[in-house]
Amino acid sequence: KQCQLDPALPILVLMDIEMQRMDGLAATREIVAA
């Protein structure tokens, strides 16, 4: 969300799956939905 402040800057996310608090699949779903 913070990186979206500069729309000219493309963003690539390299996401692990198994993590505490929120796993990578849940985070991917939320990022792509938004």
PDB file of all heavy atoms in Angstrom:
ATOM      1  N   LYS A   1       0.831  -1.200   0.000  1.00  0.00           N
ATOM      2  CA  LYS A   1       0.000   0.000   0.000  1.00  0.00           C
ATOM      3  C   LYS A   1       0.872   1.260   0.000  1.00  0.00           C
ATOM      4  O   LYS A   1       0.609   2.207  -0.732  1.00  0.00           O
ATOM      5  CB  LYS A   1      -0.918   0.015   1.222  1.00  0.00           C
ATOM      6  CG  LYS A   1      -1.856   1.214   1.259  1.00  0.00           C
ATOM      7  CD  LYS A   1      -2.697   1.239   2.505  1.00  0.00           C
ATOM      8  CE  LYS A   1      -3.829   0.270   2.368  1.00  0.00           C
ATOM      9  NZ  LYS A   1      -4.806   0.368   3.478  1.00  0.00           N
ATOM     10  N   GLN A   2       1.933   1.269   0.802  1.00  0.00           N
ATOM     11  CA  GLN A   2       2.836   2.416   0.852  1.00  0.00           C
ATOM     12  C   GLN A   2       3.544   2.625  -0.482  1.00  0.00           C
ATOM     13  O   GLN A   2       3.736   3.767  -0.914  1.00  0.00           O
ATOM     14  CB  GLN A   2       3.861   2.248   1.972  1.00  0.00           C
ATOM     15  CG  GLN A   2       3.264   2.353   3.344  1.00  0.00           C
ATOM     16  CD  GLN A   2       4.229   1.959   4.450  1.00  0.00           C
ATOM     17  OE1 GLN A   2       5.291   1.393   4.203  1.00  0.00           O
ATOM     18  NE2 GLN A   2       3.844   2.232   5.686  1.00  0.00           N
ATOM     19  N   CYS A   3       3.917   1.560  -1.146  1.00  0.00           N
ATOM     20  CA  CYS A   3       4.601   1.663  -2.438  1.00  0.00           C
ATOM     21  C   CYS A   3       3.674   2.209  -3.516  1.00  0.00           C
ATOM     22  O   CYS A   3       4.142   2.752  -4.517  1.00  0.00           O
ATOM     23  CB  CYS A   3       5.154   0.311  -2.861  1.00  0.00           C
ATOM     24  SG  CYS A   3       6.522  -0.266  -1.833  1.00  0.00           S
ATOM     25  N   GLN A   4       2.380   2.084  -3.339  1.00  0.00           N
ATOM     26  CA  GLN A   4       1.413   2.582  -4.307  1.00  0.00           C
ATOM     27  C   GLN A   4       1.385   4.108  -4.357  1.00  0.00           C
ATOM     28  O   GLN A   4       0.780   4.684  -5.256  1.00  0.00           O
ATOM     29  CB  GLN A   4       0.009   2.057  -3.983  1.00  0.00           C
ATOM     30  CG  GLN A   4      -0.170   0.604  -4.296  1.00  0.00           C
ATOM     31  CD  GLN A   4      -0.019   0.319  -5.779  1.00  0.00           C
ATOM     32  OE1 GLN A   4      -0.652   0.946  -6.625  1.00  0.00           O
ATOM     33  NE2 GLN A   4       0.828  -0.624  -6.103  1.00  0.00           N
ATOM     34  N   LEU A   5       2.042   4.766  -3.425  1.00  0.00           N
ATOM     35  CA  LEU A   5       2.087   6.230  -3.421  1.00  0.00           C
ATOM     36  C   LEU A   5       2.806   6.766  -4.648  1.00  0.00           C
ATOM     37  O   LEU A   5       2.612   7.913  -5.035  1.00  0.00           O
ATOM     38  CB  LEU A   5       2.756   6.730  -2.140  1.00  0.00           C
ATOM     39  CG  LEU A   5       2.023   6.369  -0.841  1.00  0.00           C
ATOM     40  CD1 LEU A   5       2.820   6.854   0.364  1.00  0.00           C
ATOM     41  CD2 LEU A   5       0.615   6.933  -0.835  1.00  0.00           C
ATOM     42  N   ASP A   6       3.659   5.938  -5.264  1.00  0.00           N
ATOM     43  CA  ASP A   6       4.343   6.317  -6.497  1.00  0.00           C
ATOM     44  C   ASP A   6       3.869   5.379  -7.599  1.00  0.00           C
ATOM     45  O   ASP A   6       4.470   4.338  -7.837  1.00  0.00           O
ATOM     46  CB  ASP A   6       5.865   6.214  -6.329  1.00  0.00           C
ATOM     47  CG  ASP A   6       6.620   6.686  -7.559  1.00  0.00           C
ATOM     48  OD1 ASP A   6       5.966   7.026  -8.574  1.00  0.00           O
ATOM     49  OD2 ASP A   6       7.857   6.713  -7.508  1.00  0.00           O
ATOM     50  N   PRO A   7       2.774   5.742  -8.289  1.00  0.00           N
ATOM     51  CA  PRO A   7       2.200   4.846  -9.288  1.00  0.00           C
ATOM     52  C   PRO A   7       3.112   4.592 -10.488  1.00  0.00           C
ATOM     53  O   PRO A   7       2.896   3.655 -11.242  1.00  0.00           O
ATOM     54  CB  PRO A   7       0.905   5.549  -9.705  1.00  0.00           C
ATOM     55  CG  PRO A   7       1.076   6.962  -9.314  1.00  0.00           C
ATOM     56  CD  PRO A   7       2.034   6.983  -8.157  1.00  0.00           C
ATOM     57  N   ALA A   8       4.144   5.416 -10.676  1.00  0.00           N
ATOM     58  CA  ALA A   8       5.073   5.213 -11.787  1.00  0.00           C
ATOM     59  C   ALA A   8       6.072   4.101 -11.493  1.00  0.00           C
ATOM     60  O   ALA A   8       6.795   3.664 -12.380  1.00  0.00           O
ATOM     61  CB  ALA A   8       5.814   6.515 -12.085  1.00  0.00           C
ATOM     62  N   LEU A   9       6.117   3.646 -10.257  1.00  0.00           N
ATOM     63  CA  LEU A   9       7.077   2.636  -9.840  1.00  0.00           C
ATOM     64  C   LEU A   9       6.413   1.256  -9.841  1.00  0.00           C
ATOM     65  O   LEU A   9       5.607   0.952  -8.969  1.00  0.00           O
ATOM     66  CB  LEU A   9       7.594   2.973  -8.431  1.00  0.00           C
ATOM     67  CG  LEU A   9       8.757   2.178  -7.888  1.00  0.00           C
ATOM     68  CD1 LEU A   9      10.016   2.440  -8.712  1.00  0.00           C
ATOM     69  CD2 LEU A   9       9.016   2.579  -6.445  1.00  0.00           C
ATOM     70  N   PRO A  10       6.729   0.409 -10.840  1.00  0.00           N
ATOM     71  CA  PRO A  10       6.141  -0.939 -10.819  1.00  0.00           C
ATOM     72  C   PRO A  10       6.655  -1.731  -9.621  1.00  0.00           C
ATOM     73  O   PRO A  10       7.780  -1.537  -9.172  1.00  0.00           O
ATOM     74  CB  PRO A  10       6.609  -1.561 -12.134  1.00  0.00           C
ATOM     75  CG  PRO A  10       7.608  -0.654 -12.711  1.00  0.00           C
ATOM     76  CD  PRO A  10       7.609   0.625 -11.950  1.00  0.00           C
ATOM     77  N   ILE A  11       5.817  -2.626  -9.111  1.00  0.00           N
ATOM     78  CA  ILE A  11       6.159  -3.394  -7.912  1.00  0.00           C
ATOM     79  C   ILE A  11       6.090  -4.874  -8.238  1.00  0.00           C
ATOM     80  O   ILE A  11       5.118  -5.342  -8.842  1.00  0.00           O
ATOM     81  CB  ILE A  11       5.182  -3.089  -6.764  1.00  0.00           C
ATOM     82  CG1 ILE A  11       5.139  -1.589  -6.471  1.00  0.00           C
ATOM     83  CG2 ILE A  11       5.561  -3.873  -5.515  1.00  0.00           C
ATOM     84  CD1 ILE A  11       3.983  -1.179  -5.590  1.00  0.00           C
ATOM     85  N   LEU A  12       7.115  -5.598  -7.815  1.00  0.00           N
ATOM     86  CA  LEU A  12       7.103  -7.051  -7.883  1.00  0.00           C
ATOM     87  C   LEU A  12       7.248  -7.570  -6.466  1.00  0.00           C
ATOM     88  O   LEU A  12       8.094  -7.090  -5.712  1.00  0.00           O
ATOM     89  CB  LEU A  12       8.254  -7.578  -8.745  1.00  0.00           C
ATOM     90  CG  LEU A  12       8.392  -9.104  -8.784  1.00  0.00           C
ATOM     91  CD1 LEU A  12       7.186  -9.746  -9.475  1.00  0.00           C
ATOM     92  CD2 LEU A  12       9.679  -9.511  -9.471  1.00  0.00           C
ATOM     93  N   VAL A  13       6.416  -8.539  -6.107  1.00  0.00           N
ATOM     94  CA  VAL A  13       6.462  -9.137  -4.782  1.00  0.00           C
ATOM     95  C   VAL A  13       6.960 -10.569  -4.912  1.00  0.00           C
ATOM     96  O   VAL A  13       6.403 -11.354  -5.679  1.00  0.00           O
ATOM     97  CB  VAL A  13       5.072  -9.142  -4.107  1.00  0.00           C
ATOM     98  CG1 VAL A  13       5.157  -9.730  -2.702  1.00  0.00           C
ATOM     99  CG2 VAL A  13       4.473  -7.741  -4.081  1.00  0.00           C
ATOM    100  N   LEU A  14       8.018 -10.901  -4.167  1.00  0.00           N
ATOM    101  CA  LEU A  14       8.495 -12.275  -4.049  1.00  0.00           C
ATOM    102  C   LEU A  14       8.028 -12.757  -2.685  1.00  0.00           C
ATOM    103  O   LEU A  14       8.506 -12.282  -1.660  1.00  0.00           O
ATOM    104  CB  LEU A  14      10.018 -12.338  -4.176  1.00  0.00           C
ATOM    105  CG  LEU A  14      10.583 -11.836  -5.504  1.00  0.00           C
ATOM    106  CD1 LEU A  14      12.107 -11.882  -5.479  1.00  0.00           C
ATOM    107  CD2 LEU A  14      10.046 -12.646  -6.683  1.00  0.00           C
ATOM    108  N   MET A  15       7.070 -13.672  -2.666  1.00  0.00           N
ATOM    109  CA  MET A  15       6.321 -14.018  -1.456  1.00  0.00           C
ATOM    110  C   MET A  15       6.520 -15.475  -1.040  1.00  0.00           C
ATOM    111  O   MET A  15       6.224 -16.389  -1.812  1.00  0.00           O
ATOM    112  CB  MET A  15       4.829 -13.770  -1.720  1.00  0.00           C
ATOM    113  CG  MET A  15       3.898 -14.069  -0.575  1.00  0.00           C
ATOM    114  SD  MET A  15       3.707 -12.710   0.573  1.00  0.00           S
ATOM    115  CE  MET A  15       2.775 -11.537  -0.408  1.00  0.00           C
ATOM    116  N   ASP A  16       7.006 -15.666   0.193  1.00  0.00           N
ATOM    117  CA  ASP A  16       7.051 -16.995   0.791  1.00  0.00           C
ATOM    118  C   ASP A  16       5.615 -17.403   1.140  1.00  0.00           C
ATOM    119  O   ASP A  16       4.714 -16.557   1.183  1.00  0.00           O
ATOM    120  CB  ASP A  16       7.933 -16.950   2.043  1.00  0.00           C
ATOM    121  CG  ASP A  16       8.179 -18.314   2.675  1.00  0.00           C
ATOM    122  OD1 ASP A  16       8.017 -19.343   1.994  1.00  0.00           O
ATOM    123  OD2 ASP A  16       8.541 -18.351   3.864  1.00  0.00           O
ATOM    124  N   ILE A  17       5.403 -18.674   1.421  1.00  0.00           N
ATOM    125  CA  ILE A  17       4.063 -19.131   1.800  1.00  0.00           C
ATOM    126  C   ILE A  17       3.920 -19.246   3.308  1.00  0.00           C
ATOM    127  O   ILE A  17       2.998 -18.687   3.897  1.00  0.00           O
ATOM    128  CB  ILE A  17       3.724 -20.483   1.133  1.00  0.00           C
ATOM    129  CG1 ILE A  17       3.594 -20.299  -0.372  1.00  0.00           C
ATOM    130  CG2 ILE A  17       2.425 -21.044   1.705  1.00  0.00           C
ATOM    131  CD1 ILE A  17       3.319 -21.575  -1.135  1.00  0.00           C
ATOM    132  N   GLU A  18       4.829 -19.958   3.950  1.00  0.00           N
ATOM    133  CA  GLU A  18       4.691 -20.260   5.380  1.00  0.00           C
ATOM    134  C   GLU A  18       5.320 -19.154   6.226  1.00  0.00           C
ATOM    135  O   GLU A  18       6.541 -19.043   6.307  1.00  0.00           O
ATOM    136  CB  GLU A  18       5.357 -21.600   5.697  1.00  0.00           C
ATOM    137  CG  GLU A  18       4.702 -22.762   4.994  1.00  0.00           C
ATOM    138  CD  GLU A  18       5.427 -24.060   5.231  1.00  0.00           C
ATOM    139  OE1 GLU A  18       6.663 -24.048   5.391  1.00  0.00           O
ATOM    140  OE2 GLU A  18       4.740 -25.105   5.261  1.00  0.00           O
ATOM    141  N   MET A  19       4.449 -18.341   6.843  1.00  0.00           N
ATOM    142  CA  MET A  19       4.907 -17.243   7.692  1.00  0.00           C
ATOM    143  C   MET A  19       3.924 -17.040   8.836  1.00  0.00           C
ATOM    144  O   MET A  19       2.768 -17.436   8.742  1.00  0.00           O
ATOM    145  CB  MET A  19       5.033 -15.950   6.874  1.00  0.00           C
ATOM    146  CG  MET A  19       6.065 -16.006   5.777  1.00  0.00           C
ATOM    147  SD  MET A  19       6.139 -14.497   4.798  1.00  0.00           S
ATOM    148  CE  MET A  19       4.619 -14.594   3.871  1.00  0.00           C
ATOM    149  N   GLN A  20       4.373 -16.394   9.894  1.00  0.00           N
ATOM    150  CA  GLN A  20       3.526 -16.085  11.049  1.00  0.00           C
ATOM    151  C   GLN A  20       2.558 -14.955  10.693  1.00  0.00           C
ATOM    152  O   GLN A  20       2.717 -14.303   9.661  1.00  0.00           O
ATOM    153  CB  GLN A  20       4.388 -15.676  12.248  1.00  0.00           C
ATOM    154  CG  GLN A  20       5.316 -16.760  12.731  1.00  0.00           C
ATOM    155  CD  GLN A  20       4.565 -17.951  13.285  1.00  0.00           C
ATOM    156  OE1 GLN A  20       3.595 -17.789  14.011  1.00  0.00           O
ATOM    157  NE2 GLN A  20       5.012 -19.144  12.948  1.00  0.00           N
ATOM    158  N   ARG A  21       1.623 -14.701  11.551  1.00  0.00           N
ATOM    159  CA  ARG A  21       0.585 -13.677  11.421  1.00  0.00           C
ATOM    160  C   ARG A  21      -0.276 -13.860  10.179  1.00  0.00           C
ATOM    161  O   ARG A  21      -1.464 -14.101  10.293  1.00  0.00           O
ATOM    162  CB  ARG A  21       1.150 -12.261  11.472  1.00  0.00           C
ATOM    163  CG  ARG A  21       1.580 -11.840  12.840  1.00  0.00           C
ATOM    164  CD  ARG A  21       1.693 -10.355  13.010  1.00  0.00           C
ATOM    165  NE  ARG A  21       2.465  -9.691  11.972  1.00  0.00           N
ATOM    166  CZ  ARG A  21       2.362  -8.392  11.713  1.00  0.00           C
ATOM    167  NH1 ARG A  21       1.548  -7.644  12.397  1.00  0.00           N
ATOM    168  NH2 ARG A  21       3.102  -7.842  10.771  1.00  0.00           N
ATOM    169  N   MET A  22       0.301 -13.732   8.993  1.00  0.00           N
ATOM    170  CA  MET A  22      -0.449 -13.928   7.758  1.00  0.00           C
ATOM    171  C   MET A  22       0.438 -14.660   6.768  1.00  0.00           C
ATOM    172  O   MET A  22       1.539 -14.209   6.475  1.00  0.00           O
ATOM    173  CB  MET A  22      -0.886 -12.587   7.164  1.00  0.00           C
ATOM    174  CG  MET A  22      -1.635 -12.739   5.839  1.00  0.00           C
ATOM    175  SD  MET A  22      -2.126 -11.175   5.104  1.00  0.00           S
ATOM    176  CE  MET A  22      -3.556 -10.789   6.105  1.00  0.00           C
ATOM    177  N   ASP A  23      -0.057 -15.788   6.264  1.00  0.00           N
ATOM    178  CA  ASP A  23       0.751 -16.558   5.328  1.00  0.00           C
ATOM    179  C   ASP A  23       0.738 -15.910   3.943  1.00  0.00           C
ATOM    180  O   ASP A  23      -0.043 -14.991   3.670  1.00  0.00           O
ATOM    181  CB  ASP A  23       0.297 -18.024   5.269  1.00  0.00           C
ATOM    182  CG  ASP A  23      -1.070 -18.195   4.633  1.00  0.00           C
ATOM    183  OD1 ASP A  23      -1.246 -17.833   3.447  1.00  0.00           O
ATOM    184  OD2 ASP A  23      -1.972 -18.715   5.308  1.00  0.00           O
ATOM    185  N   GLY A  24       1.606 -16.382   3.087  1.00  0.00           N
ATOM    186  CA  GLY A  24       1.780 -15.784   1.772  1.00  0.00           C
ATOM    187  C   GLY A  24       0.600 -15.931   0.844  1.00  0.00           C
ATOM    188  O   GLY A  24       0.349 -15.049   0.016  1.00  0.00           O
ATOM    189  N   LEU A  25      -0.139 -17.024   0.955  1.00  0.00           N
ATOM    190  CA  LEU A  25      -1.313 -17.189   0.089  1.00  0.00           C
ATOM    191  C   LEU A  25      -2.405 -16.200   0.461  1.00  0.00           C
ATOM    192  O   LEU A  25      -3.021 -15.579  -0.418  1.00  0.00           O
ATOM    193  CB  LEU A  25      -1.827 -18.626   0.144  1.00  0.00           C
ATOM    194  CG  LEU A  25      -0.861 -19.690  -0.388  1.00  0.00           C
ATOM    195  CD1 LEU A  25      -1.464 -21.073  -0.234  1.00  0.00           C
ATOM    196  CD2 LEU A  25      -0.470 -19.412  -1.828  1.00  0.00           C
ATOM    197  N   ALA A  26      -2.649 -16.011   1.757  1.00  0.00           N
ATOM    198  CA  ALA A  26      -3.652 -15.040   2.209  1.00  0.00           C
ATOM    199  C   ALA A  26      -3.236 -13.627   1.801  1.00  0.00           C
ATOM    200  O   ALA A  26      -4.062 -12.839   1.320  1.00  0.00           O
ATOM    201  CB  ALA A  26      -3.841 -15.131   3.717  1.00  0.00           C
ATOM    202  N   ALA A  27      -1.961 -13.308   1.974  1.00  0.00           N
ATOM    203  CA  ALA A  27      -1.469 -11.976   1.603  1.00  0.00           C
ATOM    204  C   ALA A  27      -1.575 -11.753   0.096  1.00  0.00           C
ATOM    205  O   ALA A  27      -1.972 -10.671  -0.349  1.00  0.00           O
ATOM    206  CB  ALA A  27      -0.026 -11.801   2.071  1.00  0.00           C
ATOM    207  N   THR A  28      -1.248 -12.777  -0.669  1.00  0.00           N
ATOM    208  CA  THR A  28      -1.364 -12.661  -2.124  1.00  0.00           C
ATOM    209  C   THR A  28      -2.811 -12.399  -2.527  1.00  0.00           C
ATOM    210  O   THR A  28      -3.084 -11.509  -3.345  1.00  0.00           O
ATOM    211  CB  THR A  28      -0.837 -13.938  -2.812  1.00  0.00           C
ATOM    212  OG1 THR A  28       0.554 -14.091  -2.489  1.00  0.00           O
ATOM    213  CG2 THR A  28      -1.010 -13.881  -4.324  1.00  0.00           C
ATOM    214  N   ARG A  29      -3.744 -13.147  -1.945  1.00  0.00           N
ATOM    215  CA  ARG A  29      -5.175 -12.931  -2.247  1.00  0.00           C
ATOM    216  C   ARG A  29      -5.576 -11.486  -1.958  1.00  0.00           C
ATOM    217  O   ARG A  29      -6.272 -10.855  -2.759  1.00  0.00           O
ATOM    218  CB  ARG A  29      -6.049 -13.880  -1.429  1.00  0.00           C
ATOM    219  CG  ARG A  29      -6.244 -15.239  -2.051  1.00  0.00           C
ATOM    220  CD  ARG A  29      -7.324 -16.046  -1.356  1.00  0.00           C
ATOM    221  NE  ARG A  29      -6.963 -16.433   0.000  1.00  0.00           N
ATOM    222  CZ  ARG A  29      -6.181 -17.453   0.313  1.00  0.00           C
ATOM    223  NH1 ARG A  29      -5.666 -18.201  -0.631  1.00  0.00           N
ATOM    224  NH2 ARG A  29      -5.919 -17.735   1.567  1.00  0.00           N
ATOM    225  N   GLU A  30      -5.155 -10.962  -0.809  1.00  0.00           N
ATOM    226  CA  GLU A  30      -5.547  -9.603  -0.428  1.00  0.00           C
ATOM    227  C   GLU A  30      -4.898  -8.544  -1.318  1.00  0.00           C
ATOM    228  O   GLU A  30      -5.543  -7.570  -1.705  1.00  0.00           O
ATOM    229  CB  GLU A  30      -5.227  -9.351   1.044  1.00  0.00           C
ATOM    230  CG  GLU A  30      -6.143 -10.138   1.954  1.00  0.00           C
ATOM    231  CD  GLU A  30      -6.202  -9.590   3.362  1.00  0.00           C
ATOM    232  OE1 GLU A  30      -6.021  -8.364   3.551  1.00  0.00           O
ATOM    233  OE2 GLU A  30      -6.433 -10.394   4.278  1.00  0.00           O
ATOM    234  N   ILE A  31      -3.627  -8.725  -1.631  1.00  0.00           N
ATOM    235  CA  ILE A  31      -2.946  -7.754  -2.497  1.00  0.00           C
ATOM    236  C   ILE A  31      -3.592  -7.730  -3.874  1.00  0.00           C
ATOM    237  O   ILE A  31      -3.913  -6.667  -4.409  1.00  0.00           O
ATOM    238  CB  ILE A  31      -1.439  -8.059  -2.588  1.00  0.00           C
ATOM    239  CG1 ILE A  31      -0.740  -7.737  -1.256  1.00  0.00           C
ATOM    240  CG2 ILE A  31      -0.788  -7.272  -3.733  1.00  0.00           C
ATOM    241  CD1 ILE A  31       0.705  -8.206  -1.175  1.00  0.00           C
ATOM    242  N   VAL A  32      -3.809  -8.898  -4.461  1.00  0.00           N
ATOM    243  CA  VAL A  32      -4.378  -8.973  -5.810  1.00  0.00           C
ATOM    244  C   VAL A  32      -5.835  -8.488  -5.828  1.00  0.00           C
ATOM    245  O   VAL A  32      -6.269  -7.854  -6.785  1.00  0.00           O
ATOM    246  CB  VAL A  32      -4.237 -10.403  -6.376  1.00  0.00           C
ATOM    247  CG1 VAL A  32      -4.995 -10.565  -7.687  1.00  0.00           C
ATOM    248  CG2 VAL A  32      -2.763 -10.747  -6.563  1.00  0.00           C
ATOM    249  N   ALA A  33      -6.574  -8.742  -4.756  1.00  0.00           N
ATOM    250  CA  ALA A  33      -7.957  -8.244  -4.692  1.00  0.00           C
ATOM    251  C   ALA A  33      -7.987  -6.717  -4.663  1.00  0.00           C
ATOM    252  O   ALA A  33      -8.828  -6.100  -5.311  1.00  0.00           O
ATOM    253  CB  ALA A  33      -8.665  -8.817  -3.463  1.00  0.00           C
ATOM    254  N   ALA A  34      -7.070  -6.115  -3.924  1.00  0.00           N
ATOM    255  CA  ALA A  34      -7.027  -4.656  -3.811  1.00  0.00           C
ATOM    256  C   ALA A  34      -6.349  -3.995  -5.007  1.00  0.00           C
ATOM    257  O   ALA A  34      -6.691  -2.868  -5.375  1.00  0.00           O
ATOM    258  CB  ALA A  34      -6.316  -4.251  -2.519  1.00  0.00           C
TER     259      ALA A  34
END
